[in-house]
Structures are given as structure tokens and as C-alpha cells.
Amino acid sequence: MLGNRDNLKLKIVHVSSSSPLTQTNQDYEGFNATRVLKHEQEHVHEVHCSRERSRTAWKIIEEYLMPFVEREHFPISSKCRLHPNNDLFRDQEQHKIHLDINDWQCGYCKKSFRAEKFLDQHMDSRHYNLLDVNGSKCLADLCGALHCDHMMKTKSTKAKCNPAAVARNHHLCESLADSCFPTHHGPSASRLHELFLRQFCDAHSCSGKQKPFSRGGKKQTGVLYLAISILTMMLLPVFYLIVYLHQRDMRMKTQELRRIPQVKRKAKGS
């Protein structure tokens, strides 16, 4: 009996001493599996296109180009790289709901976030399957031509000009003008081609004389419209006052003219 009891104790000690080691091995294997899975997910979801710069490029197109395109009633071809369909993130951006300053919502699953950057991360991880990554639809690739750095204020004004980069961006800019607004497609296309060169391409120079978006955009048009509206509202009462005073003077003159014959009749009768 004593020998059996000692064997039992030894077995218990052996089991208890081996349990932490077994648990440690399992934790290590689980950690490795999680790390490998995370790495695989990151690799699968890797998109070689900046969402932030693509968003900036679209803001520039929407503000400094589309108002003129709409005014000309010109249909941009889907082959044009500036077309909304050629923006990789366009559908996801349209499914962002900005409810309040710190309240963003996913239009796909209605999940809420405190900031847009968290919603971007959610789109990248949860709704990656909605991105069409097969074609060349990275709008951020056009940032050099569209002056994204100027819009985002990421480039220092004191930075030294790189002639090679400027020439490359100028060439890309002109190619966009030629492909999106071919001059042989009519007067509207010719006017938009000229505007695109002035609005975007002329600023690609080391001289610094020409600034981007020199022809203005949606915001400037909105401010001008607001100023005209305010001025109109201020002058409208003045206009009505002038009309009222003029009509009153005309009535008074008419009454005086009517009195004159009556006075003459009385004078003759007396």
C-alpha cells in the first residue's frame, strides 16, 4: 500500500508540473496561428492606392472642374481617368454617412464611428470585397497633375522646386486634358480643354507665377452668389421705397392738375 501511495504522489507531481508547460505551448502555438492569420489578412487586403489622396483628388475634381463641366453640359467619357467610375473608392465614399462632427456611420452595415479615419479602417477590413482592384482605378495616381499636395498643404512653400517632377506632372496634366476633353469633339470640349490647361497645367512650373485653380471653383461661385443675394436683399427695400415715393409724387401732381381747371371755372363764374 505504501508503494502504491508513493507512486500516486509521483504521478500527481508529474502531471501538475507538466500542465503549465503544456498550456504555455498551446498559448505559443495560438499566438503564432493568430499572427500568421493576421499577416495573411493584411496581405490579402493590401491595396496599393492611397484612400486619403484619392479622396483629395476627387474633392479637387468636384470643386474646381465639375462646375465648369456641368455648365457646358459636357458628358465625360468613362475612358477619362477623371470619371467617377474610375475612382477605386467612390462607392465606399458614397456610403459614408456624416451625422455629426464626431458621428460617422457606415452605409453598408450602419455601424457608427467617432471619426472618419476609423470608418476608413472599417471599410478596409470589413468591406474590402466591394473594391474592384482588378483595373487601374487609383485616383491618387493623378495627384501630381491635380495639385493634391497644395490642397492638403503637405508640401512646404519653401521646398526647392524639382524640374523633373514638374515636367512629369505637367505632361500628365496635358495628357488628361487631351484624353478627357478632345478638341475635335466640339466647342464645349475645346473650351473645357483650354480651361483644364489654365486651371491645372499652367501651375506646373518652377517660376511660381501661376497658382493652381486660377479659374476658381464651386466655393468661389457660392460665395459670389451669396454676396449677390445679400446685396439684392439690401437694395430691394430701397427700390420699393423709390417706387412708392415716385408714385406718390405722381398722384400729387395729378391732383394739382385737376384743381387748376376747377379754380379757373370759379374765377370765370365770379
Protein backbone atom coordinates (compact mmCIF):
# COMPACT_ATOMS: atom_id res chain seq x y z
CA MET A 1 0.00 0.00 0.00
CA LEU A 2 2.81 2.40 0.80
CA GLY A 3 4.44 1.78 -2.52
CA ASN A 4 1.21 2.43 -4.37
CA ARG A 5 0.67 5.64 -2.40
CA ASP A 6 4.16 6.88 -3.29
CA ASN A 7 3.56 6.09 -6.97
CA LEU A 8 0.31 8.02 -6.80
CA LYS A 9 2.07 11.05 -5.36
CA LEU A 10 4.74 10.88 -8.01
CA LYS A 11 2.12 10.73 -10.74
CA ILE A 12 0.30 13.72 -9.32
CA VAL A 13 3.51 15.74 -9.10
CA HIS A 14 4.43 14.80 -12.61
CA VAL A 15 1.04 15.86 -14.01
CA SER A 16 0.91 19.13 -12.12
CA SER A 17 4.42 20.09 -13.15
CA SER A 18 3.77 19.35 -16.82
CA SER A 19 0.46 21.26 -17.05
CA PRO A 20 1.94 24.82 -17.17
CA LEU A 21 4.37 23.76 -19.86
CA THR A 22 1.57 22.26 -21.94
CA GLN A 23 -0.51 25.42 -21.50
CA THR A 24 2.48 27.58 -22.48
CA ASN A 25 3.00 25.56 -25.64
CA GLN A 26 -0.66 25.90 -26.53
CA ASP A 27 -0.56 29.67 -25.94
CA TYR A 28 2.56 29.98 -28.08
CA GLU A 29 1.01 27.95 -30.89
CA GLY A 30 -2.19 30.01 -30.64
CA PHE A 31 -0.19 33.24 -30.77
CA ASN A 32 1.68 32.02 -33.84
CA ALA A 33 -1.56 31.00 -35.54
CA THR A 34 -3.12 34.41 -34.80
CA ARG A 35 -0.03 36.20 -36.08
CA VAL A 36 0.04 34.15 -39.28
CA LEU A 37 -3.69 34.71 -39.83
CA LYS A 38 -3.30 38.45 -39.25
CA HIS A 39 -0.38 38.57 -41.67
CA GLU A 40 -2.37 36.70 -44.29
CA GLN A 41 -5.33 39.06 -43.87
CA GLU A 42 -3.08 42.11 -44.18
CA HIS A 43 -1.52 40.64 -47.28
CA VAL A 44 -4.88 39.84 -48.86
CA HIS A 45 -6.32 43.29 -48.06
CA GLU A 46 -3.31 45.21 -49.27
CA VAL A 47 -4.34 47.94 -51.73
CA HIS A 48 -1.62 49.94 -53.46
CA CYS A 49 -3.71 53.10 -53.57
CA SER A 50 -4.00 55.87 -51.00
CA ARG A 51 -7.59 56.39 -49.91
CA GLU A 52 -6.78 59.81 -48.44
CA ARG A 53 -5.09 61.13 -51.57
CA SER A 54 -7.81 59.64 -53.78
CA ARG A 55 -10.38 61.48 -51.67
CA THR A 56 -8.43 64.73 -52.04
CA ALA A 57 -8.16 64.24 -55.81
CA TRP A 58 -11.91 63.75 -56.08
CA LYS A 59 -12.57 66.87 -53.96
CA ILE A 60 -10.42 68.87 -56.37
CA ILE A 61 -12.27 67.46 -59.40
CA GLU A 62 -15.63 68.09 -57.79
CA GLU A 63 -14.82 71.64 -56.73
CA TYR A 64 -12.55 73.01 -59.46
CA LEU A 65 -13.60 71.09 -62.59
CA MET A 66 -17.14 69.70 -62.40
CA PRO A 67 -18.91 73.10 -62.09
CA PHE A 68 -17.48 74.05 -65.50
CA VAL A 69 -18.26 70.64 -67.00
CA GLU A 70 -21.87 70.91 -65.80
CA ARG A 71 -22.15 74.42 -67.18
CA GLU A 72 -21.08 73.16 -70.60
CA HIS A 73 -23.37 70.09 -70.33
CA PHE A 74 -20.42 68.01 -71.46
CA PRO A 75 -20.61 64.22 -70.89
CA ILE A 76 -17.23 62.98 -69.65
CA SER A 77 -16.33 59.64 -71.21
CA SER A 78 -15.88 56.65 -68.91
CA LYS A 79 -12.46 56.23 -70.54
CA CYS A 80 -11.41 59.53 -68.98
CA ARG A 81 -9.44 58.87 -65.79
CA LEU A 82 -11.29 61.75 -64.13
CA HIS A 83 -14.63 59.96 -64.50
CA PRO A 84 -16.24 58.97 -61.14
CA ASN A 85 -16.33 55.31 -62.21
CA ASN A 86 -12.54 55.32 -62.33
CA ASP A 87 -12.22 56.05 -58.62
CA LEU A 88 -11.49 52.84 -56.72
CA PHE A 89 -13.07 54.14 -53.50
CA ARG A 90 -16.02 56.08 -54.99
CA ASP A 91 -18.75 53.62 -53.97
CA GLN A 92 -17.40 53.30 -50.43
CA GLU A 93 -17.05 57.08 -50.10
CA GLN A 94 -20.67 57.48 -51.15
CA HIS A 95 -21.68 55.02 -48.42
CA LYS A 96 -20.24 57.21 -45.67
CA ILE A 97 -22.88 59.00 -43.59
CA HIS A 98 -21.66 62.05 -41.64
CA LEU A 99 -24.32 62.58 -38.98
CA ASP A 100 -22.42 64.95 -36.69
CA ILE A 101 -18.92 66.26 -36.03
CA ASN A 102 -17.99 63.08 -34.09
CA ASP A 103 -20.56 60.73 -35.55
CA TRP A 104 -19.86 58.79 -38.74
CA GLN A 105 -21.87 55.81 -39.95
CA CYS A 106 -21.19 53.03 -42.43
CA GLY A 107 -23.88 53.00 -45.11
CA TYR A 108 -23.42 49.26 -45.67
CA CYS A 109 -23.84 47.88 -42.13
CA LYS A 110 -24.94 51.01 -40.19
CA LYS A 111 -22.08 50.72 -37.70
CA SER A 112 -21.13 54.04 -36.05
CA PHE A 113 -17.67 55.58 -35.55
CA ARG A 114 -16.26 58.63 -33.78
CA ALA A 115 -14.05 59.76 -36.66
CA GLU A 116 -13.73 59.28 -40.40
CA LYS A 117 -10.34 57.57 -40.06
CA PHE A 118 -11.94 54.77 -38.03
CA LEU A 119 -14.65 54.41 -40.66
CA ASP A 120 -11.89 54.19 -43.30
CA GLN A 121 -10.26 51.34 -41.35
CA HIS A 122 -13.63 49.62 -41.09
CA MET A 123 -14.14 49.93 -44.86
CA ASP A 124 -10.69 48.48 -45.49
CA SER A 125 -11.22 45.46 -43.25
CA ARG A 126 -14.93 44.69 -43.42
CA HIS A 127 -15.95 45.82 -46.89
CA TYR A 128 -12.78 45.16 -48.85
CA ASN A 129 -14.69 42.74 -51.08
CA LEU A 130 -16.64 45.68 -52.54
CA LEU A 131 -13.50 47.20 -54.07
CA ASP A 132 -12.76 46.49 -57.72
CA VAL A 133 -8.97 46.11 -57.51
CA ASN A 134 -8.59 44.47 -60.91
CA GLY A 135 -8.44 47.62 -63.02
CA SER A 136 -6.25 50.70 -62.83
CA LYS A 137 -8.62 52.99 -60.96
CA CYS A 138 -6.41 54.70 -58.41
CA LEU A 139 -7.35 58.37 -58.47
CA ALA A 140 -4.38 59.11 -56.20
CA ASP A 141 -2.12 58.42 -59.21
CA LEU A 142 -3.40 61.71 -60.69
CA CYS A 143 -2.49 63.77 -57.63
CA GLY A 144 0.65 65.10 -59.27
CA ALA A 145 -1.38 66.67 -62.06
CA LEU A 146 -4.24 67.84 -59.81
CA HIS A 147 -2.11 69.53 -57.09
CA CYS A 148 -3.21 67.33 -54.16
CA ASP A 149 -0.22 68.45 -52.07
CA HIS A 150 -1.32 72.06 -52.48
CA MET A 151 -4.85 71.14 -51.40
CA MET A 152 -3.66 69.04 -48.44
CA LYS A 153 -0.95 71.58 -47.53
CA THR A 154 1.55 68.73 -47.15
CA LYS A 155 4.26 70.42 -49.22
CA SER A 156 6.27 73.30 -47.78
CA THR A 157 6.19 76.53 -49.77
CA LYS A 158 9.94 76.86 -49.13
CA ALA A 159 10.70 73.45 -50.65
CA LYS A 160 13.08 73.54 -53.60
CA CYS A 161 11.42 73.03 -56.96
CA ASN A 162 12.26 69.79 -58.77
CA PRO A 163 12.24 70.49 -62.53
CA ALA A 164 11.99 66.78 -63.44
CA ALA A 165 8.94 66.27 -61.20
CA VAL A 166 7.33 69.45 -62.50
CA ALA A 167 7.83 68.34 -66.12
CA ARG A 168 6.41 64.91 -65.33
CA ASN A 169 3.30 66.37 -63.67
CA HIS A 170 2.84 68.87 -66.50
CA HIS A 171 2.95 66.09 -69.06
CA LEU A 172 0.39 64.03 -67.08
CA CYS A 173 -1.82 67.11 -66.79
CA GLU A 174 -1.76 67.77 -70.54
CA SER A 175 -2.48 64.11 -71.30
CA LEU A 176 -5.58 64.32 -69.08
CA ALA A 177 -6.75 67.42 -70.94
CA ASP A 178 -6.23 65.72 -74.31
CA SER A 179 -7.95 62.44 -73.37
CA CYS A 180 -10.86 63.85 -71.38
CA PHE A 181 -11.63 66.92 -73.49
CA PRO A 182 -10.55 66.24 -77.08
CA THR A 183 -10.69 69.50 -79.03
CA HIS A 184 -12.21 67.78 -82.08
CA HIS A 185 -15.32 66.89 -80.04
CA GLY A 186 -16.85 70.31 -80.46
CA PRO A 187 -16.83 73.83 -78.93
CA SER A 188 -17.68 72.66 -75.41
CA ALA A 189 -14.79 70.18 -75.37
CA SER A 190 -12.44 72.86 -76.73
CA ARG A 191 -13.45 75.33 -74.02
CA LEU A 192 -13.04 72.71 -71.29
CA HIS A 193 -9.67 71.66 -72.73
CA GLU A 194 -8.47 75.26 -72.54
CA LEU A 195 -9.89 75.68 -69.05
CA PHE A 196 -8.19 72.49 -67.81
CA LEU A 197 -4.83 73.74 -69.07
CA ARG A 198 -5.29 77.11 -67.34
CA GLN A 199 -6.85 75.65 -64.18
CA PHE A 200 -4.33 72.86 -63.53
CA CYS A 201 -1.45 72.60 -66.01
CA ASP A 202 -0.13 76.17 -66.06
CA ALA A 203 0.75 75.98 -62.37
CA HIS A 204 3.24 73.17 -63.03
CA SER A 205 6.20 75.50 -63.28
CA CYS A 206 9.17 76.40 -61.11
CA SER A 207 8.55 80.11 -61.67
CA GLY A 208 5.70 80.15 -59.17
CA LYS A 209 3.88 82.87 -61.10
CA GLN A 210 0.75 80.83 -61.79
CA LYS A 211 -1.18 79.37 -58.86
CA PRO A 212 -3.39 76.24 -59.06
CA PHE A 213 -7.13 76.67 -59.61
CA SER A 214 -6.76 80.17 -61.04
CA ARG A 215 -10.22 79.99 -62.66
CA GLY A 216 -11.94 79.50 -59.30
CA GLY A 217 -14.39 76.78 -58.35
CA LYS A 218 -17.59 75.83 -56.60
CA LYS A 219 -16.79 77.62 -53.33
CA GLN A 220 -15.95 80.89 -55.04
CA THR A 221 -19.14 80.66 -57.08
CA GLY A 222 -21.11 80.00 -53.91
CA VAL A 223 -19.57 83.00 -52.11
CA LEU A 224 -20.28 85.25 -55.10
CA TYR A 225 -23.87 84.04 -55.25
CA LEU A 226 -24.27 84.66 -51.51
CA ALA A 227 -22.85 88.18 -51.82
CA ILE A 228 -25.17 88.99 -54.72
CA SER A 229 -28.15 87.60 -52.78
CA ILE A 230 -27.34 89.70 -49.70
CA LEU A 231 -26.84 92.83 -51.81
CA THR A 232 -30.14 92.19 -53.59
CA MET A 233 -31.99 91.79 -50.29
CA MET A 234 -30.49 95.05 -49.04
CA LEU A 235 -31.32 97.03 -52.17
CA LEU A 236 -34.82 95.62 -52.64
CA PRO A 237 -36.45 97.73 -49.88
CA VAL A 238 -34.70 100.82 -51.24
CA PHE A 239 -36.06 100.06 -54.71
CA TYR A 240 -39.61 99.67 -53.37
CA LEU A 241 -39.26 102.92 -51.40
CA ILE A 242 -38.18 104.80 -54.51
CA VAL A 243 -41.10 103.36 -56.47
CA TYR A 244 -43.52 104.29 -53.69
CA LEU A 245 -42.23 107.88 -53.47
CA HIS A 246 -42.34 108.24 -57.24
CA GLN A 247 -45.94 107.02 -57.41
CA ARG A 248 -46.93 109.33 -54.53
CA ASP A 249 -45.39 112.31 -56.30
CA MET A 250 -47.22 111.39 -59.49
CA ARG A 251 -50.55 111.21 -57.62
CA MET A 252 -49.95 114.59 -56.01
CA LYS A 253 -49.13 116.19 -59.37
CA THR A 254 -52.24 114.63 -60.90
CA GLN A 255 -54.40 116.08 -58.10
CA GLU A 256 -52.84 119.53 -58.57
CA LEU A 257 -53.53 119.43 -62.31
CA ARG A 258 -57.15 118.58 -61.61
CA ARG A 259 -57.51 121.51 -59.20
CA ILE A 260 -56.29 124.09 -61.72
CA PRO A 261 -59.33 123.82 -64.09
CA GLN A 262 -61.67 123.99 -61.10
CA VAL A 263 -60.00 127.22 -59.89
CA LYS A 264 -60.29 128.73 -63.41
CA ARG A 265 -64.01 127.88 -63.60
CA LYS A 266 -64.66 129.58 -60.28
CA ALA A 267 -62.74 132.68 -61.39
CA LYS A 268 -64.83 132.99 -64.57
CA GLY A 269 -68.09 132.47 -62.70
CA SER A 270 -67.30 135.26 -60.24
